[in-house]
Every structure is written in structure tokens, then in C-alpha cells.
N, C-alpha and C. Protein backbone atom coordinates (compact mmCIF):
# COMPACT_ATOMS: atom_id res chain seq x y z
N MET A 1 -69.24 24.82 21.08
CA MET A 1 -70.03 23.62 20.82
C MET A 1 -70.18 23.42 19.32
N CYS A 2 -69.94 22.21 18.87
CA CYS A 2 -70.03 21.89 17.46
C CYS A 2 -71.42 21.33 17.16
N SER A 3 -72.00 21.81 16.08
CA SER A 3 -73.34 21.34 15.73
C SER A 3 -73.30 20.34 14.58
N LEU A 4 -72.15 19.70 14.37
CA LEU A 4 -72.02 18.71 13.31
C LEU A 4 -72.85 17.49 13.65
N LEU A 5 -73.69 17.07 12.72
CA LEU A 5 -74.58 15.95 12.94
C LEU A 5 -74.09 14.74 12.16
N HIS A 6 -74.07 13.59 12.82
CA HIS A 6 -73.73 12.35 12.13
C HIS A 6 -75.02 11.74 11.62
N VAL A 7 -75.16 11.75 10.29
CA VAL A 7 -76.38 11.32 9.64
C VAL A 7 -76.24 9.85 9.24
N THR A 8 -77.34 9.11 9.37
CA THR A 8 -77.35 7.69 9.02
C THR A 8 -78.53 7.40 8.09
N ASP A 9 -78.59 6.18 7.58
CA ASP A 9 -79.75 5.78 6.78
C ASP A 9 -81.04 5.96 7.58
N VAL A 10 -80.95 5.73 8.89
CA VAL A 10 -82.13 5.79 9.76
C VAL A 10 -82.66 7.21 9.92
N ASN A 11 -81.77 8.20 10.14
CA ASN A 11 -82.25 9.56 10.42
C ASN A 11 -82.13 10.52 9.24
N PHE A 12 -81.72 10.04 8.08
CA PHE A 12 -81.48 10.92 6.94
C PHE A 12 -82.73 11.68 6.50
N GLU A 13 -83.80 10.97 6.19
CA GLU A 13 -85.02 11.63 5.69
C GLU A 13 -85.56 12.64 6.70
N GLU A 14 -85.59 12.23 7.96
CA GLU A 14 -86.07 13.14 9.02
C GLU A 14 -85.20 14.39 9.08
N THR A 15 -83.89 14.21 8.93
CA THR A 15 -82.95 15.33 9.00
C THR A 15 -83.20 16.33 7.89
N ILE A 16 -83.33 15.86 6.64
CA ILE A 16 -83.50 16.81 5.54
C ILE A 16 -84.91 17.39 5.48
N GLN A 17 -85.88 16.67 6.01
CA GLN A 17 -87.27 17.18 5.99
C GLN A 17 -87.52 18.20 7.11
N ASN A 18 -86.86 18.03 8.25
CA ASN A 18 -87.13 18.86 9.42
C ASN A 18 -86.22 20.09 9.54
N ASN A 19 -85.34 20.30 8.56
CA ASN A 19 -84.45 21.45 8.58
C ASN A 19 -84.50 22.12 7.22
N LYS A 20 -84.56 23.44 7.22
CA LYS A 20 -84.71 24.18 5.96
C LYS A 20 -83.52 23.99 5.03
N LEU A 21 -82.31 24.09 5.58
CA LEU A 21 -81.09 24.00 4.77
C LEU A 21 -80.13 23.01 5.41
N VAL A 22 -79.76 21.98 4.67
CA VAL A 22 -78.90 20.91 5.20
C VAL A 22 -77.79 20.59 4.20
N LEU A 23 -76.55 20.63 4.65
CA LEU A 23 -75.42 20.21 3.83
C LEU A 23 -74.93 18.88 4.38
N ILE A 24 -74.93 17.86 3.52
CA ILE A 24 -74.46 16.54 3.94
C ILE A 24 -73.15 16.23 3.23
N ASP A 25 -72.14 15.85 4.01
CA ASP A 25 -70.85 15.41 3.51
C ASP A 25 -70.88 13.89 3.45
N PHE A 26 -70.91 13.33 2.23
CA PHE A 26 -70.84 11.88 2.04
C PHE A 26 -69.36 11.52 2.00
N TRP A 27 -68.91 10.69 2.93
CA TRP A 27 -67.50 10.43 3.12
C TRP A 27 -67.27 8.98 3.57
N ALA A 28 -66.00 8.60 3.72
CA ALA A 28 -65.62 7.31 4.29
C ALA A 28 -64.29 7.47 5.02
N THR A 29 -64.07 6.62 6.01
CA THR A 29 -62.86 6.74 6.84
C THR A 29 -61.58 6.50 6.04
N TRP A 30 -61.64 5.65 5.00
CA TRP A 30 -60.45 5.31 4.21
C TRP A 30 -60.12 6.34 3.14
N CYS A 31 -60.95 7.34 2.97
CA CYS A 31 -60.83 8.32 1.88
C CYS A 31 -59.94 9.49 2.30
N GLY A 32 -58.77 9.61 1.68
CA GLY A 32 -57.84 10.70 2.00
C GLY A 32 -58.43 12.08 1.79
N PRO A 33 -59.01 12.37 0.62
CA PRO A 33 -59.61 13.69 0.41
C PRO A 33 -60.74 13.98 1.41
N CYS A 34 -61.47 12.94 1.82
CA CYS A 34 -62.54 13.13 2.82
C CYS A 34 -61.94 13.58 4.14
N ARG A 35 -60.84 12.95 4.52
CA ARG A 35 -60.17 13.33 5.78
C ARG A 35 -59.61 14.75 5.69
N ALA A 36 -59.12 15.11 4.50
CA ALA A 36 -58.59 16.47 4.30
C ALA A 36 -59.70 17.51 4.41
N LEU A 37 -60.91 17.14 3.99
CA LEU A 37 -62.05 18.06 4.02
C LEU A 37 -62.68 18.18 5.41
N ALA A 38 -62.45 17.19 6.26
CA ALA A 38 -63.12 17.12 7.57
C ALA A 38 -62.97 18.39 8.42
N PRO A 39 -61.77 18.98 8.55
CA PRO A 39 -61.66 20.20 9.37
C PRO A 39 -62.52 21.34 8.83
N THR A 40 -62.63 21.44 7.51
CA THR A 40 -63.46 22.48 6.90
C THR A 40 -64.93 22.24 7.24
N ILE A 41 -65.37 20.98 7.18
CA ILE A 41 -66.75 20.64 7.50
C ILE A 41 -67.04 20.99 8.96
N ASP A 42 -66.09 20.69 9.85
CA ASP A 42 -66.25 21.02 11.27
C ASP A 42 -66.39 22.54 11.46
N GLU A 43 -65.55 23.32 10.75
CA GLU A 43 -65.63 24.78 10.85
C GLU A 43 -66.98 25.29 10.36
N LEU A 44 -67.44 24.74 9.24
CA LEU A 44 -68.73 25.17 8.69
C LEU A 44 -69.88 24.87 9.65
N ALA A 45 -69.79 23.71 10.32
CA ALA A 45 -70.84 23.33 11.28
C ALA A 45 -70.95 24.38 12.38
N GLN A 46 -69.81 24.88 12.83
CA GLN A 46 -69.82 25.91 13.87
C GLN A 46 -70.28 27.26 13.32
N GLU A 47 -69.77 27.63 12.15
CA GLU A 47 -70.08 28.94 11.58
C GLU A 47 -71.53 29.08 11.15
N TYR A 48 -72.15 27.98 10.75
CA TYR A 48 -73.52 28.05 10.24
C TYR A 48 -74.57 27.59 11.26
N THR A 49 -74.18 27.46 12.52
CA THR A 49 -75.14 27.10 13.56
C THR A 49 -76.31 28.08 13.53
N GLY A 50 -77.52 27.54 13.45
CA GLY A 50 -78.70 28.37 13.41
C GLY A 50 -79.10 28.81 12.01
N LYS A 51 -78.20 28.65 11.03
CA LYS A 51 -78.51 29.05 9.65
C LYS A 51 -78.66 27.84 8.74
N ALA A 52 -77.80 26.84 8.94
CA ALA A 52 -77.85 25.63 8.14
C ALA A 52 -77.34 24.48 8.99
N LEU A 53 -77.88 23.30 8.76
CA LEU A 53 -77.42 22.12 9.47
C LEU A 53 -76.34 21.45 8.61
N ILE A 54 -75.21 21.14 9.23
CA ILE A 54 -74.12 20.49 8.52
C ILE A 54 -73.99 19.07 9.09
N GLY A 55 -74.02 18.09 8.20
CA GLY A 55 -73.94 16.71 8.65
C GLY A 55 -72.97 15.89 7.83
N LYS A 56 -72.58 14.75 8.38
CA LYS A 56 -71.69 13.81 7.70
C LYS A 56 -72.38 12.45 7.63
N LEU A 57 -72.25 11.79 6.49
CA LEU A 57 -72.82 10.47 6.31
C LEU A 57 -71.73 9.54 5.80
N ASP A 58 -71.39 8.52 6.58
CA ASP A 58 -70.38 7.54 6.20
C ASP A 58 -71.00 6.59 5.18
N VAL A 59 -70.48 6.62 3.94
CA VAL A 59 -71.09 5.84 2.86
C VAL A 59 -70.94 4.33 3.06
N ASP A 60 -69.91 3.92 3.79
CA ASP A 60 -69.72 2.48 4.04
C ASP A 60 -70.76 1.95 5.02
N GLU A 61 -71.11 2.76 6.00
CA GLU A 61 -72.08 2.33 7.02
C GLU A 61 -73.52 2.63 6.62
N ASN A 62 -73.71 3.50 5.63
CA ASN A 62 -75.05 3.94 5.23
C ASN A 62 -75.19 3.93 3.70
N SER A 63 -74.97 2.75 3.14
CA SER A 63 -74.90 2.64 1.68
C SER A 63 -76.23 2.89 0.97
N SER A 64 -77.35 2.62 1.62
CA SER A 64 -78.62 2.80 0.92
C SER A 64 -78.89 4.27 0.61
N THR A 65 -78.54 5.17 1.53
CA THR A 65 -78.72 6.60 1.27
C THR A 65 -77.75 7.06 0.18
N ALA A 66 -76.51 6.61 0.25
CA ALA A 66 -75.52 6.96 -0.78
C ALA A 66 -75.98 6.49 -2.16
N GLU A 67 -76.52 5.28 -2.22
CA GLU A 67 -77.02 4.74 -3.50
C GLU A 67 -78.23 5.53 -3.99
N LYS A 68 -79.12 5.88 -3.09
CA LYS A 68 -80.33 6.62 -3.46
C LYS A 68 -79.98 7.93 -4.15
N PHE A 69 -78.93 8.59 -3.67
CA PHE A 69 -78.53 9.87 -4.24
C PHE A 69 -77.39 9.72 -5.25
N GLN A 70 -77.12 8.49 -5.66
CA GLN A 70 -76.13 8.19 -6.69
C GLN A 70 -74.78 8.85 -6.39
N VAL A 71 -74.32 8.65 -5.16
CA VAL A 71 -73.01 9.14 -4.77
C VAL A 71 -71.99 8.07 -5.16
N PHE A 72 -71.27 8.34 -6.24
CA PHE A 72 -70.30 7.38 -6.77
C PHE A 72 -68.87 7.75 -6.46
N SER A 73 -68.63 9.01 -6.16
CA SER A 73 -67.30 9.50 -5.80
C SER A 73 -67.42 10.23 -4.48
N ILE A 74 -66.39 10.09 -3.65
CA ILE A 74 -66.39 10.83 -2.39
C ILE A 74 -65.07 11.58 -2.27
N PRO A 75 -65.06 12.70 -1.56
CA PRO A 75 -66.22 13.27 -0.90
C PRO A 75 -67.22 13.89 -1.89
N THR A 76 -68.49 13.78 -1.54
CA THR A 76 -69.56 14.47 -2.25
C THR A 76 -70.34 15.26 -1.21
N LEU A 77 -70.53 16.53 -1.49
CA LEU A 77 -71.34 17.39 -0.62
C LEU A 77 -72.65 17.68 -1.34
N ILE A 78 -73.76 17.40 -0.67
CA ILE A 78 -75.06 17.69 -1.25
C ILE A 78 -75.79 18.66 -0.33
N LEU A 79 -76.28 19.74 -0.93
CA LEU A 79 -77.04 20.73 -0.18
C LEU A 79 -78.53 20.51 -0.45
N PHE A 80 -79.28 20.36 0.62
CA PHE A 80 -80.73 20.16 0.54
C PHE A 80 -81.42 21.41 1.08
N LYS A 81 -82.44 21.85 0.36
CA LYS A 81 -83.26 22.97 0.83
C LYS A 81 -84.70 22.49 0.80
N ASP A 82 -85.38 22.61 1.95
CA ASP A 82 -86.77 22.15 2.09
C ASP A 82 -86.91 20.70 1.63
N GLY A 83 -85.90 19.87 1.96
CA GLY A 83 -85.97 18.44 1.67
C GLY A 83 -85.57 18.03 0.27
N GLN A 84 -85.21 18.99 -0.58
CA GLN A 84 -84.85 18.70 -1.97
C GLN A 84 -83.39 19.05 -2.24
N GLU A 85 -82.71 18.22 -3.05
CA GLU A 85 -81.34 18.53 -3.43
C GLU A 85 -81.33 19.77 -4.31
N VAL A 86 -80.47 20.75 -3.96
CA VAL A 86 -80.37 21.97 -4.76
C VAL A 86 -78.96 22.20 -5.31
N GLU A 87 -77.96 21.61 -4.69
CA GLU A 87 -76.57 21.77 -5.15
C GLU A 87 -75.79 20.51 -4.80
N ARG A 88 -74.74 20.25 -5.59
CA ARG A 88 -73.86 19.10 -5.33
C ARG A 88 -72.44 19.49 -5.71
N LEU A 89 -71.51 19.21 -4.82
CA LEU A 89 -70.08 19.41 -5.09
C LEU A 89 -69.40 18.05 -4.92
N VAL A 90 -68.58 17.67 -5.89
CA VAL A 90 -67.89 16.38 -5.83
C VAL A 90 -66.39 16.63 -5.80
N GLY A 91 -65.71 15.92 -4.89
CA GLY A 91 -64.27 16.06 -4.76
C GLY A 91 -63.90 17.00 -3.63
N LEU A 92 -62.62 17.18 -3.47
CA LEU A 92 -62.10 18.05 -2.41
C LEU A 92 -62.34 19.50 -2.81
N CYS A 93 -63.23 20.16 -2.09
CA CYS A 93 -63.64 21.54 -2.44
C CYS A 93 -63.02 22.52 -1.46
N THR A 94 -62.89 23.75 -1.92
CA THR A 94 -62.40 24.81 -1.03
C THR A 94 -63.54 25.31 -0.15
N LYS A 95 -63.16 25.84 0.98
CA LYS A 95 -64.17 26.39 1.88
C LYS A 95 -64.98 27.50 1.21
N PRO A 96 -64.35 28.44 0.47
CA PRO A 96 -65.16 29.47 -0.19
C PRO A 96 -66.18 28.91 -1.18
N SER A 97 -65.84 27.83 -1.89
CA SER A 97 -66.80 27.27 -2.84
C SER A 97 -67.99 26.63 -2.10
N ILE A 98 -67.74 26.08 -0.93
CA ILE A 98 -68.81 25.48 -0.14
C ILE A 98 -69.69 26.57 0.48
N THR A 99 -69.06 27.58 1.06
CA THR A 99 -69.85 28.65 1.67
C THR A 99 -70.67 29.39 0.61
N ALA A 100 -70.16 29.48 -0.61
CA ALA A 100 -70.88 30.17 -1.69
C ALA A 100 -72.23 29.49 -1.97
N ILE A 101 -72.23 28.15 -2.01
CA ILE A 101 -73.51 27.49 -2.31
C ILE A 101 -74.46 27.55 -1.12
N ILE A 102 -73.92 27.48 0.11
CA ILE A 102 -74.78 27.58 1.29
C ILE A 102 -75.40 28.98 1.33
N ASP A 103 -74.55 29.99 1.16
CA ASP A 103 -75.03 31.37 1.23
C ASP A 103 -76.05 31.67 0.13
N LYS A 104 -75.83 31.11 -1.06
CA LYS A 104 -76.75 31.34 -2.18
C LYS A 104 -78.17 30.87 -1.84
N HIS A 105 -78.26 29.76 -1.11
CA HIS A 105 -79.58 29.18 -0.81
C HIS A 105 -80.13 29.57 0.56
N SER A 106 -79.35 30.31 1.34
CA SER A 106 -79.82 30.69 2.67
C SER A 106 -80.55 32.03 2.67
N LYS A 107 -80.65 32.63 1.51
CA LYS A 107 -81.33 33.93 1.39
C LYS A 107 -82.82 33.76 1.52
């Protein structure tokens, strides 16, 4: 079972406030690097079940949240801890670099 959450402008605040550690992938369907990153995000969602919530937010369909967090390039991964942004990765990242920031804040 995959625990990947599709985050929207409507459920974004509730998602980051109600979960201790949340990684959001800001992406779009037309973005090649976003599509390349998608399998890694899916793997992370499964591997971090119970430890961190992994979600995806389509910037075209949810532009107000993307604008609020000044996401100008995609993919952008933002890690939230206790509702606050603690890390940000921009561009196509490796799985080890993503797991490193999640692990750093999950202690």
C-alpha cells in the first residue's frame, strides 16, 4: 500500500499542521524532471510510512500554495516539521540526498 498523499490548496495547511514531518513534492505534469523524480517519491512514500508523510502538490492546479512558498522552479521538495519549513531541495535530486534531509529531521 502506498501512502503517497495528493496535496491541494484546500488540504495543504491541515496536512502540514496535523503531521510531524511532511515532505511535499511541488511538481507539474508537463515537467520532465518532475516525472523522472516521481518513482523516487513513490518509493519514499512507502519506505517512510509511519515516520514521515510524503505528498505531491501539482503547481498548476494549486498555484496559491506554490506562490505562498515561492516555488519558482520545479521540482521543488519542501520538508515541513511541526508545520514549519525546515529544508528545501530544488531540481532533480538523488534519493540519498532526499533521505538525508528526512532522516536528519526525523530524530
